[in-house]
Protein backbone atom coordinates (compact mmCIF):
# COMPACT_ATOMS: atom_id res chain seq x y z
CA ASP A 1 0.00 0.00 0.00
CA ARG A 2 1.12 3.51 -0.75
CA MET A 3 2.11 5.39 2.40
CA PRO A 4 -0.01 8.47 3.16
CA HIS A 5 1.32 11.87 2.18
CA LEU A 6 0.80 15.33 3.61
CA ASN A 7 -0.47 17.69 0.95
CA LEU A 8 0.73 21.20 1.76
CA THR A 9 0.75 24.46 -0.15
CA GLY A 10 4.39 25.51 -0.09
CA ARG A 11 5.48 29.07 -0.77
CA TYR A 12 8.88 30.00 -2.17
CA TYR A 13 10.54 33.13 -3.56
CA ARG A 14 12.12 33.58 -7.00
CA LEU A 15 15.20 35.79 -7.32
CA VAL A 16 15.02 35.85 -11.12
CA PRO A 17 15.26 37.58 -13.51
CA PRO A 18 17.92 39.98 -12.17
CA GLU A 19 16.22 43.11 -13.48
CA LYS A 20 12.91 42.40 -11.69
CA PHE A 21 12.41 39.42 -9.39
CA LEU A 22 9.35 37.30 -10.02
CA GLY A 23 8.95 37.04 -6.25
CA SER A 24 6.60 34.75 -4.34
CA ALA A 25 5.07 31.65 -5.84
CA GLN A 26 3.30 28.57 -4.55
CA GLU A 27 3.45 24.91 -5.34
CA SER A 28 1.76 21.79 -4.06
CA LEU A 29 3.97 19.65 -1.82
CA SER A 30 3.29 15.95 -1.35
CA ILE A 31 5.34 14.96 1.70
CA ASP A 32 5.83 11.36 2.79
CA LEU A 33 4.27 11.11 6.23
CA ALA A 34 6.60 8.31 7.33
CA GLY A 35 9.66 10.48 6.69
CA THR A 36 8.46 13.65 8.40
CA ALA A 37 9.27 15.13 11.83
CA PHE A 38 7.99 18.23 13.60
CA LEU A 39 11.01 20.23 14.84
CA ALA A 40 10.44 22.79 17.61
CA VAL A 41 13.48 24.98 18.30
CA ASP A 42 13.67 26.80 21.65
CA VAL A 43 9.95 26.73 22.35
CA TYR A 44 9.81 26.63 26.10
CA GLY A 45 9.81 29.92 28.07
CA LEU A 46 7.57 30.65 30.99
CA GLY A 47 4.84 33.22 30.45
CA PHE A 48 2.70 31.53 27.80
CA SER A 49 0.21 30.08 30.32
CA PRO A 50 -1.47 32.02 33.17
CA GLU A 51 0.07 29.71 35.77
CA ASP A 52 3.61 30.19 34.45
CA GLY A 53 4.48 33.52 36.02
CA GLU A 54 6.37 36.26 34.24
CA ALA A 55 9.75 34.68 33.46
CA HIS A 56 10.59 34.49 29.78
CA ALA A 57 13.01 32.57 27.60
CA TYR A 58 14.52 35.19 25.30
CA PRO A 59 16.05 38.21 27.04
CA THR A 60 16.27 39.95 23.68
CA MET A 61 12.48 39.85 23.31
CA SER A 62 11.81 42.30 26.13
CA LEU A 63 9.49 44.73 24.39
CA GLU A 64 5.88 44.23 25.38
CA ALA A 65 4.79 44.10 21.73
CA SER A 66 7.32 41.34 21.10
CA LEU A 67 6.12 39.36 24.11
CA GLU A 68 2.51 39.60 23.02
CA ALA A 69 3.36 38.53 19.48
CA GLU A 70 5.42 35.58 20.72
CA ARG A 71 2.67 34.51 23.11
CA ASP A 72 0.13 34.57 20.26
CA ILE A 73 2.46 32.49 18.08
CA VAL A 74 2.94 29.83 20.76
CA VAL A 75 -0.63 29.58 22.00
CA ASN A 76 -2.57 29.99 18.77
CA HIS A 77 -0.24 28.54 16.15
CA ILE A 78 2.64 26.36 17.44
CA ARG A 79 0.67 24.37 20.00
CA PRO A 80 -2.27 23.58 17.64
CA ALA A 81 0.15 22.57 14.86
CA MET A 82 2.13 20.38 17.26
CA ASP A 83 -1.06 18.71 18.49
CA ALA A 84 -2.08 18.01 14.89
CA ALA A 85 1.30 16.39 14.22
CA ARG A 86 0.96 14.18 17.30
CA ARG A 87 -2.55 13.06 16.30
CA ILE A 88 -1.28 11.46 13.10
CA GLY A 89 1.95 10.06 14.49
CA ILE A 90 4.49 12.62 13.27
CA PRO A 91 7.35 12.55 15.79
CA VAL A 92 7.80 15.80 17.68
CA VAL A 93 11.42 16.78 18.36
CA TYR A 94 12.28 19.55 20.82
CA VAL A 95 15.69 21.19 20.42
CA ASN A 96 16.45 23.44 23.39
CA ASN A 97 19.20 25.61 24.79
CA SER A 98 21.22 24.14 27.65
CA ALA A 99 24.45 24.68 29.59
CA PRO A 100 26.80 21.71 29.29
CA ARG A 101 29.92 21.90 31.43
CA ILE A 102 32.26 22.86 28.60
CA GLY A 103 33.38 26.30 29.78
CA ILE A 104 30.85 27.98 27.52
CA ASN A 105 31.12 31.31 29.36
CA GLU A 106 34.68 31.54 28.00
CA SER A 107 33.67 30.64 24.45
CA GLU A 108 32.95 33.12 21.67
CA MET A 109 29.25 32.30 22.11
CA GLY A 110 29.50 33.05 25.83
CA LYS A 111 31.33 36.33 25.24
CA LEU A 112 28.80 37.34 22.59
CA THR A 113 25.75 36.70 24.75
CA LYS A 114 27.38 38.59 27.64
CA ARG A 115 28.11 41.72 25.65
CA SER A 116 24.90 41.70 23.58
CA CYS A 117 22.38 40.49 26.16
CA ASP A 118 24.21 40.80 29.50
CA LEU A 119 23.68 37.06 29.84
CA GLU A 120 25.91 34.60 31.69
CA TRP A 121 25.25 31.46 29.66
CA ASP A 122 26.07 28.88 32.35
CA ALA A 123 23.73 30.43 34.91
CA TRP A 124 21.07 31.29 32.32
CA GLY A 125 20.96 27.75 30.90
CA SER A 126 21.22 25.85 34.18
CA GLU A 127 18.61 23.19 34.95
CA ASP A 128 17.48 21.29 38.05
CA ASN A 129 16.78 18.01 36.20
CA VAL A 130 20.22 17.28 34.72
CA ASP A 131 23.27 15.22 35.63
CA PRO A 132 25.53 17.79 37.34
CA ARG A 133 28.60 15.95 36.10
CA GLU A 134 27.68 16.83 32.53
CA TYR A 135 25.47 19.96 32.72
CA VAL A 136 25.39 23.06 34.90
CA TYR A 137 22.98 22.31 37.73
CA GLY A 138 20.81 25.19 38.90
CA ASP A 139 17.35 26.66 38.96
CA SER A 140 17.27 29.13 36.09
CA GLN A 141 13.77 30.08 35.00
CA ALA A 142 14.95 30.84 31.46
CA VAL A 143 14.79 27.34 30.00
CA LYS A 144 11.90 25.97 32.04
CA PHE A 145 8.89 24.84 30.05
CA SER A 146 5.62 26.67 30.00
CA LYS A 147 2.72 24.39 30.94
CA ILE A 148 1.35 24.73 27.43
CA MET A 149 4.58 23.57 25.77
CA GLU A 150 5.84 20.76 28.02
CA PRO A 151 7.02 17.74 25.98
CA HIS A 152 4.85 14.63 25.98
CA ALA A 153 6.24 11.27 27.01
CA ASP A 154 6.60 10.10 23.40
CA ASP A 155 8.31 13.27 22.15
CA TYR A 156 12.06 13.55 21.59
CA PHE A 157 14.26 16.08 23.37
CA VAL A 158 17.73 17.25 22.32
CA ARG A 159 19.81 19.79 24.24
CA LYS A 160 21.97 22.23 22.27
CA HIS A 161 24.54 24.84 23.26
CA ALA A 162 24.90 26.86 20.07
CA TYR A 163 22.62 28.53 17.57
CA SER A 164 22.26 25.40 15.47
CA GLY A 165 20.47 22.37 16.84
CA PHE A 166 22.82 20.19 14.79
CA PHE A 167 26.13 21.52 16.19
CA GLN A 168 27.75 18.86 18.41
CA THR A 169 24.35 17.30 19.29
CA ARG A 170 22.56 14.01 18.70
CA LEU A 171 19.92 15.56 16.44
CA ASP A 172 21.16 14.30 13.08
CA GLY A 173 21.62 10.78 14.47
CA LEU A 174 18.10 10.81 15.89
CA LEU A 175 16.56 11.96 12.62
CA ARG A 176 18.49 9.40 10.57
CA ASN A 177 17.50 6.60 12.97
CA LEU A 178 13.86 7.61 12.41
CA GLU A 179 14.50 7.77 8.62
CA ILE A 180 13.37 11.39 8.51
CA LYS A 181 13.69 13.31 5.25
CA THR A 182 11.43 16.34 5.86
CA LEU A 183 11.37 18.75 8.79
CA ILE A 184 8.36 20.89 9.66
CA CYS A 185 10.10 23.73 11.53
CA VAL A 186 8.80 26.15 14.17
CA GLY A 187 10.27 28.20 16.99
CA PHE A 188 12.57 31.02 18.01
CA ALA A 189 14.36 33.02 17.07
CA LEU A 190 13.91 33.05 13.33
CA ASP A 191 17.11 35.06 12.86
CA MET A 192 19.23 33.06 15.31
CA CYS A 193 18.68 29.48 16.53
CA LEU A 194 15.85 28.48 14.21
CA HIS A 195 17.67 30.19 11.34
CA CYS A 196 20.94 28.32 11.88
CA THR A 197 19.22 25.00 12.55
CA MET A 198 17.35 25.25 9.24
CA ILE A 199 20.57 26.13 7.37
CA ASP A 200 22.29 23.04 8.74
CA ALA A 201 19.22 20.91 8.02
CA MET A 202 19.28 21.96 4.37
CA ASN A 203 23.05 21.42 4.18
CA LEU A 204 22.50 17.89 5.55
CA ASN A 205 19.94 17.30 2.77
CA TYR A 206 16.72 17.52 4.78
CA GLN A 207 13.72 19.12 3.12
CA VAL A 208 12.81 22.17 5.20
CA VAL A 209 9.28 23.53 5.56
CA LEU A 210 8.92 26.54 7.87
CA LEU A 211 5.48 27.19 9.35
CA ARG A 212 5.77 30.92 8.87
CA ASP A 213 3.17 31.94 11.45
CA CYS A 214 4.94 29.72 14.03
CA ALA A 215 8.19 31.69 14.17
CA MET A 216 9.48 35.14 15.02
CA ALA A 217 12.76 37.01 14.73
CA VAL A 218 14.23 39.36 17.34
CA GLU A 219 12.66 42.68 16.45
CA LEU A 220 14.31 46.04 17.17
CA PRO A 221 12.18 48.84 18.66
CA ASP A 222 11.55 50.52 15.30
CA GLU A 223 10.54 47.20 13.68
CA VAL A 224 8.42 45.47 16.28
CA GLU A 225 5.00 46.92 15.45
CA GLU A 226 5.16 45.65 11.88
CA LEU A 227 7.32 42.58 12.64
CA SER A 228 9.30 43.73 9.63
CA PHE A 229 12.44 41.71 10.33
CA THR A 230 10.39 38.55 10.88
CA LYS A 231 8.75 39.06 7.49
CA ARG A 232 12.14 39.59 5.87
CA MET A 233 13.53 36.41 7.46
CA ILE A 234 10.54 34.43 6.22
CA LYS A 235 11.27 35.65 2.71
CA TRP A 236 14.95 34.76 3.19
CA THR A 237 13.92 31.22 4.17
CA GLU A 238 11.76 30.95 1.05
CA TYR A 239 14.61 31.73 -1.35
CA ALA A 240 17.61 30.31 0.54
CA ILE A 241 16.45 27.27 2.53
CA GLY A 242 13.12 25.72 1.53
CA HIS A 243 9.39 26.35 1.53
CA SER A 244 7.07 27.97 4.00
CA ALA A 245 3.47 27.11 4.80
CA THR A 246 0.89 28.24 7.33
CA SER A 247 -0.08 26.39 10.48
CA GLU A 248 -3.67 26.35 9.25
CA ASN A 249 -2.63 24.60 6.05
CA PHE A 250 -0.51 22.11 8.00
CA ILE A 251 -3.31 21.34 10.47
CA ARG A 252 -5.78 20.88 7.64
CA ALA A 253 -3.40 18.47 5.90
CA CYS A 254 -2.97 16.48 9.13
CA ASP A 255 -6.71 16.38 9.81
CA GLY A 256 -7.29 15.03 6.31
CA LEU A 257 -5.25 11.93 7.22
CA GLU A 258 -7.11 11.06 10.44
């Protein structure tokens, strides 16, 4: 029997001809369900559910407009899309920031986050459910899960310590063991960790589909009202990495297979 396929409307961007780009176009994607995973990058922070309190994952997203936009993305787009994936057996893979005991505060990443965000990576990424021989043990609120986004027992969880979820992690091995070819990608931030994870995914020959209403870039004060940088990064994804689709389209495709 022929394995079921997800039928999505994928959007991409054409950078030709040089004198006037043709721009956005759509095509029908028929994606093998058995080779598909739902990849959630850095979707955790407290503050998405009323019982979470006020702590938040990304210190760079401190503007109230950014927080409201991110909350809407998580509650009304990422979580419904993730639930739809689970209903039809698509494996959900979380890829989250962490603080392994590798002297990361002294690394270029550690120095960068200190000067740009006033963030001490080891303390910021510490967790109270890790082996203290391998990871920094602590009680940071930054990487704790919101009630609405806690992983389910059957989900997969990979810790990372760089922008890319593939850098020095088990992610590629996991995906190859599951015989995954296509990644449905969501998360934060679209210009940093999600961005670099999608680049590496494409370089490793995975088909990348970004759910464009399930992601957000770090917006500067003069950009946040229009989410202009997020829109630009979505377009970048559509001409440099893969396709984008909407969460509504993805959910509808999943529901059609139930």
